[in-house]
C-alpha atoms as a PDB file:
ATOM      1  CA  UNK A   1      67.943 114.158  74.255  1.00  0.00           C
ATOM      2  CA  UNK A   2      71.558 114.806  73.371  1.00  0.00           C
ATOM      3  CA  UNK A   3      72.091 116.461  76.877  1.00  0.00           C
ATOM      4  CA  UNK A   4      70.914 113.154  78.654  1.00  0.00           C
ATOM      5  CA  UNK A   5      72.696 110.724  76.583  1.00  0.00           C
ATOM      6  CA  UNK A   6      75.699 113.095  77.286  1.00  0.00           C
ATOM      7  CA  UNK A   7      75.641 113.281  80.963  1.00  0.00           C
ATOM      8  CA  UNK A   8      74.210 109.732  80.830  1.00  0.00           C
ATOM      9  CA  UNK A   9      77.987 109.103  79.121  1.00  0.00           C
ATOM     10  CA  UNK A  10      79.946 111.127  81.669  1.00  0.00           C
ATOM     11  CA  UNK A  11      77.732 109.427  84.519  1.00  0.00           C
ATOM     12  CA  UNK A  12      79.028 105.933  82.936  1.00  0.00           C
ATOM     13  CA  UNK A  13      82.810 107.163  81.952  1.00  0.00           C
ATOM     14  CA  UNK A  14      83.182 108.687  85.193  1.00  0.00           C
ATOM     15  CA  UNK A  15      81.804 105.498  87.574  1.00  0.00           C
ATOM     16  CA  UNK A  16      84.062 103.135  85.879  1.00  0.00           C
ATOM     17  CA  UNK A  17      86.994 105.343  86.894  1.00  0.00           C
ATOM     18  CA  UNK A  18      86.417 105.792  89.517  1.00  0.00           C
ATOM     19  CA  UNK A  19      85.770 101.619  90.244  1.00  0.00           C
ATOM     20  CA  UNK A  20      89.165 100.741  88.859  1.00  0.00           C
ATOM     21  CA  UNK A  21      91.102 103.390  90.958  1.00  0.00           C
ATOM     22  CA  UNK A  22      88.955 101.714  94.521  1.00  0.00           C
ATOM     23  CA  UNK A  23      90.048  98.849  93.173  1.00  0.00           C
ATOM     24  CA  UNK A  24      91.711  96.697  95.849  1.00  0.00           C
ATOM     25  CA  UNK A  25      95.350  94.981  95.342  1.00  0.00           C
ATOM     26  CA  UNK A  26      96.468  91.375  95.951  1.00  0.00           C
ATOM     27  CA  UNK A  27     100.344  90.530  96.031  1.00  0.00           C
ATOM     28  CA  UNK A  28     101.999  88.509  96.422  1.00  0.00           C
ATOM     29  CA  UNK A  29     105.158  89.719  99.659  1.00  0.00           C
ATOM     30  CA  UNK A  30     108.184  90.966  98.491  1.00  0.00           C
ATOM     31  CA  UNK A  31     111.030  88.291 100.151  1.00  0.00           C
ATOM     32  CA  UNK A  32     114.231  90.328  99.456  1.00  0.00           C
ATOM     33  CA  UNK A  33     114.514  93.490  97.332  1.00  0.00           C
ATOM     34  CA  UNK A  34     118.252  94.236  96.664  1.00  0.00           C
ATOM     35  CA  UNK A  35     119.383  97.547  97.056  1.00  0.00           C
ATOM     36  CA  UNK A  36     121.582  97.002  93.967  1.00  0.00           C
ATOM     37  CA  UNK A  37     122.511 100.261  91.564  1.00  0.00           C
ATOM     38  CA  UNK A  38     122.858  99.824  87.546  1.00  0.00           C
ATOM     39  CA  UNK A  39     122.215  96.937  85.139  1.00  0.00           C
ATOM     40  CA  UNK A  40     118.889  94.688  84.284  1.00  0.00           C
ATOM     41  CA  UNK A  41     120.526  91.618  86.441  1.00  0.00           C
ATOM     42  CA  UNK A  42     118.935  89.036  83.708  1.00  0.00           C
ATOM     43  CA  UNK A  43     118.334  89.936  80.203  1.00  0.00           C
ATOM     44  CA  UNK A  44     115.433  87.605  79.371  1.00  0.00           C
ATOM     45  CA  UNK A  45     113.152  90.124  82.290  1.00  0.00           C
ATOM     46  CA  UNK A  46     111.020  92.945  81.228  1.00  0.00           C
ATOM     47  CA  UNK A  47     110.400  96.254  82.504  1.00  0.00           C
ATOM     48  CA  UNK A  48     107.390  96.618  80.685  1.00  0.00           C
ATOM     49  CA  UNK A  49     103.836  95.320  80.377  1.00  0.00           C
ATOM     50  CA  UNK A  50     103.946  94.469  83.225  1.00  0.00           C
ATOM     51  CA  UNK A  51     101.661  96.305  86.355  1.00  0.00           C
ATOM     52  CA  UNK A  52     104.248  97.179  89.116  1.00  0.00           C
ATOM     53  CA  UNK A  53     103.467  97.906  92.871  1.00  0.00           C
ATOM     54  CA  UNK A  54     104.984  99.609  95.088  1.00  0.00           C
ATOM     55  CA  UNK A  55     106.432  98.154  98.688  1.00  0.00           C
ATOM     56  CA  UNK A  56     108.565 100.768 100.465  1.00  0.00           C
ATOM     57  CA  UNK A  57     111.250 103.498 100.048  1.00  0.00           C
ATOM     58  CA  UNK A  58     114.875 102.268 101.706  1.00  0.00           C
ATOM     59  CA  UNK A  59     114.995 106.154 103.028  1.00  0.00           C
ATOM     60  CA  UNK A  60     111.407 107.393 104.198  1.00  0.00           C
ATOM     61  CA  UNK A  61     109.607 103.545 104.059  1.00  0.00           C
ATOM     62  CA  UNK A  62     105.843 103.746 104.009  1.00  0.00           C
ATOM     63  CA  UNK A  63     103.404 103.260 106.437  1.00  0.00           C
ATOM     64  CA  UNK A  64     101.565 100.138 106.434  1.00  0.00           C
ATOM     65  CA  UNK A  65      98.478 101.666 104.982  1.00  0.00           C
ATOM     66  CA  UNK A  66     100.361 102.943 102.821  1.00  0.00           C
ATOM     67  CA  UNK A  67     102.715  99.823 101.337  1.00  0.00           C
ATOM     68  CA  UNK A  68     101.677  98.272  97.976  1.00  0.00           C
ATOM     69  CA  UNK A  69      98.602 100.880  97.411  1.00  0.00           C
ATOM     70  CA  UNK A  70     100.776 102.754  94.411  1.00  0.00           C
ATOM     71  CA  UNK A  71     101.222 101.165  90.804  1.00  0.00           C
ATOM     72  CA  UNK A  72     103.132 101.427  87.898  1.00  0.00           C
ATOM     73  CA  UNK A  73     102.707 100.205  84.462  1.00  0.00           C
ATOM     74  CA  UNK A  74     105.498 101.071  81.188  1.00  0.00           C
ATOM     75  CA  UNK A  75     104.228 100.423  78.485  1.00  0.00           C
ATOM     76  CA  UNK A  76     106.137  98.691  75.461  1.00  0.00           C
ATOM     77  CA  UNK A  77     107.171 100.645  72.568  1.00  0.00           C
ATOM     78  CA  UNK A  78     109.530 101.227  69.044  1.00  0.00           C
ATOM     79  CA  UNK A  79     110.909 104.012  70.354  1.00  0.00           C
ATOM     80  CA  UNK A  80     112.595 105.673  73.691  1.00  0.00           C
ATOM     81  CA  UNK A  81     109.804 107.345  74.876  1.00  0.00           C
ATOM     82  CA  UNK A  82     107.016 105.029  76.531  1.00  0.00           C
ATOM     83  CA  UNK A  83     103.924 105.623  77.911  1.00  0.00           C
ATOM     84  CA  UNK A  84     103.780 104.711  81.910  1.00  0.00           C
ATOM     85  CA  UNK A  85     100.999 105.107  83.660  1.00  0.00           C
ATOM     86  CA  UNK A  86      99.465 103.782  87.487  1.00  0.00           C
ATOM     87  CA  UNK A  87      97.523 104.672  90.717  1.00  0.00           C
ATOM     88  CA  UNK A  88      99.036 106.804  92.978  1.00  0.00           C
ATOM     89  CA  UNK A  89      97.834 106.603  96.237  1.00  0.00           C
ATOM     90  CA  UNK A  90      94.160 108.248  95.006  1.00  0.00           C
ATOM     91  CA  UNK A  91      94.079 109.218  92.361  1.00  0.00           C
ATOM     92  CA  UNK A  92      95.220 107.738  88.487  1.00  0.00           C
ATOM     93  CA  UNK A  93      97.986 109.166  86.416  1.00  0.00           C
ATOM     94  CA  UNK A  94     100.349 109.155  83.431  1.00  0.00           C
ATOM     95  CA  UNK A  95     103.358 110.455  81.795  1.00  0.00           C
ATOM     96  CA  UNK A  96     106.456 109.999  79.330  1.00  0.00           C
ATOM     97  CA  UNK A  97     108.994 107.932  80.119  1.00  0.00           C
ATOM     98  CA  UNK A  98     112.325 108.018  77.604  1.00  0.00           C
ATOM     99  CA  UNK A  99     114.953 105.547  78.973  1.00  0.00           C
ATOM    100  CA  UNK A 100     117.898 103.845  77.595  1.00  0.00           C
ATOM    101  CA  UNK A 101     117.109 100.254  77.978  1.00  0.00           C
ATOM    102  CA  UNK A 102     120.921  98.910  77.626  1.00  0.00           C
ATOM    103  CA  UNK A 103     122.467 101.053  80.141  1.00  0.00           C
ATOM    104  CA  UNK A 104     119.085 101.044  82.815  1.00  0.00           C
ATOM    105  CA  UNK A 105     118.659 104.752  82.944  1.00  0.00           C
ATOM    106  CA  UNK A 106     115.619 107.058  83.111  1.00  0.00           C
ATOM    107  CA  UNK A 107     116.741 109.842  80.497  1.00  0.00           C
ATOM    108  CA  UNK A 108     113.309 112.233  81.663  1.00  0.00           C
ATOM    109  CA  UNK A 109     109.906 111.608  82.859  1.00  0.00           C
ATOM    110  CA  UNK A 110     107.447 114.363  81.257  1.00  0.00           C
ATOM    111  CA  UNK A 111     103.835 115.687  81.320  1.00  0.00           C
ATOM    112  CA  UNK A 112     103.171 113.593  84.310  1.00  0.00           C
ATOM    113  CA  UNK A 113      99.228 114.294  84.700  1.00  0.00           C
ATOM    114  CA  UNK A 114      96.636 112.519  87.598  1.00  0.00           C
ATOM    115  CA  UNK A 115      93.458 112.807  88.201  1.00  0.00           C
ATOM    116  CA  UNK A 116      92.653 114.992  91.398  1.00  0.00           C
ATOM    117  CA  UNK A 117      90.653 113.624  93.399  1.00  0.00           C
ATOM    118  CA  UNK A 118      91.390 114.368  97.249  1.00  0.00           C
ATOM    119  CA  UNK A 119      92.235 112.367  99.954  1.00  0.00           C
ATOM    120  CA  UNK A 120      92.764 112.472 103.408  1.00  0.00           C
ATOM    121  CA  UNK A 121      96.005 114.312 104.249  1.00  0.00           C
ATOM    122  CA  UNK A 122      98.480 111.385 104.524  1.00  0.00           C
ATOM    123  CA  UNK A 123      97.396 110.405 101.437  1.00  0.00           C
ATOM    124  CA  UNK A 124      97.392 113.476  99.822  1.00  0.00           C
ATOM    125  CA  UNK A 125     101.506 114.314 101.512  1.00  0.00           C
ATOM    126  CA  UNK A 126     102.409 110.375 100.415  1.00  0.00           C
ATOM    127  CA  UNK A 127     101.036 110.758  96.241  1.00  0.00           C
ATOM    128  CA  UNK A 128     103.389 114.442  96.267  1.00  0.00           C
ATOM    129  CA  UNK A 129     106.064 112.656  97.521  1.00  0.00           C
ATOM    130  CA  UNK A 130     105.510 109.580  94.882  1.00  0.00           C
ATOM    131  CA  UNK A 131     105.147 111.938  91.765  1.00  0.00           C
ATOM    132  CA  UNK A 132     107.705 114.162  92.998  1.00  0.00           C
ATOM    133  CA  UNK A 133     109.710 111.149  92.919  1.00  0.00           C
ATOM    134  CA  UNK A 134     108.863 109.890  89.703  1.00  0.00           C
ATOM    135  CA  UNK A 135     109.614 112.633  87.617  1.00  0.00           C
ATOM    136  CA  UNK A 136     113.500 112.461  89.214  1.00  0.00           C
ATOM    137  CA  UNK A 137     113.802 108.660  87.989  1.00  0.00           C
ATOM    138  CA  UNK A 138     117.366 108.500  86.935  1.00  0.00           C
ATOM    139  CA  UNK A 139     117.803 104.630  86.836  1.00  0.00           C
ATOM    140  CA  UNK A 140     116.594 101.078  87.517  1.00  0.00           C
ATOM    141  CA  UNK A 141     117.321  97.854  88.592  1.00  0.00           C
ATOM    142  CA  UNK A 142     114.670  94.606  87.671  1.00  0.00           C
ATOM    143  CA  UNK A 143     116.222  91.481  89.001  1.00  0.00           C
ATOM    144  CA  UNK A 144     113.094  88.807  88.788  1.00  0.00           C
ATOM    145  CA  UNK A 145     110.089  89.629  89.800  1.00  0.00           C
ATOM    146  CA  UNK A 146     111.336  92.771  91.865  1.00  0.00           C
ATOM    147  CA  UNK A 147     111.984  96.728  90.738  1.00  0.00           C
ATOM    148  CA  UNK A 148     114.148  99.209  92.052  1.00  0.00           C
ATOM    149  CA  UNK A 149     113.479 102.546  90.905  1.00  0.00           C
ATOM    150  CA  UNK A 150     117.080 105.145  91.783  1.00  0.00           C
ATOM    151  CA  UNK A 151     115.162 108.517  92.099  1.00  0.00           C
ATOM    152  CA  UNK A 152     117.301 111.771  91.753  1.00  0.00           C
ATOM    153  CA  UNK A 153     116.955 112.554  95.455  1.00  0.00           C
ATOM    154  CA  UNK A 154     118.966 109.741  96.327  1.00  0.00           C
ATOM    155  CA  UNK A 155     115.501 107.603  97.320  1.00  0.00           C
ATOM    156  CA  UNK A 156     115.107 103.893  96.157  1.00  0.00           C
ATOM    157  CA  UNK A 157     111.244 102.698  95.487  1.00  0.00           C
ATOM    158  CA  UNK A 158     110.845  99.120  95.526  1.00  0.00           C
ATOM    159  CA  UNK A 159     108.048  97.284  93.947  1.00  0.00           C
ATOM    160  CA  UNK A 160     107.159  93.807  93.226  1.00  0.00           C
ATOM    161  CA  UNK A 161     105.912  92.816  89.650  1.00  0.00           C
ATOM    162  CA  UNK A 162     101.964  92.166  89.959  1.00  0.00           C
ATOM    163  CA  UNK A 163     100.802  88.609  89.843  1.00  0.00           C
END
């Protein structure tokens, strides 16, 4: 009987997880995202506790079918290490983001882990690139509902706040 309950619990958890991973997003299109390196442009805005949706990259633009698919959420914490999580192009992920908020710097992204659901070769490649970029994030720029992450490989990821 305990095994049946355990199996049922696992099945429920897995189905909830899959349902969350398959949800579709509706977002407003980005009208203008500037590539400005440096500081937060409005101190009343917050990077934290909002869901951010990847719109595109500066140097290697995403194809139309991949835009608005990957997400990022960074939870606020009273310390300088914050939990980041979201959905790649296929899998959900999480990791620790160490930030210097005064300088808009990302000191490190550690322990980035994800589920291991497979997708198309195109989705798999896009997700690998996204996770590699996240791991090398050096700084961010926040302007209204637009977020730019500046990666260590000179790439910039443009995000929009989910409404």
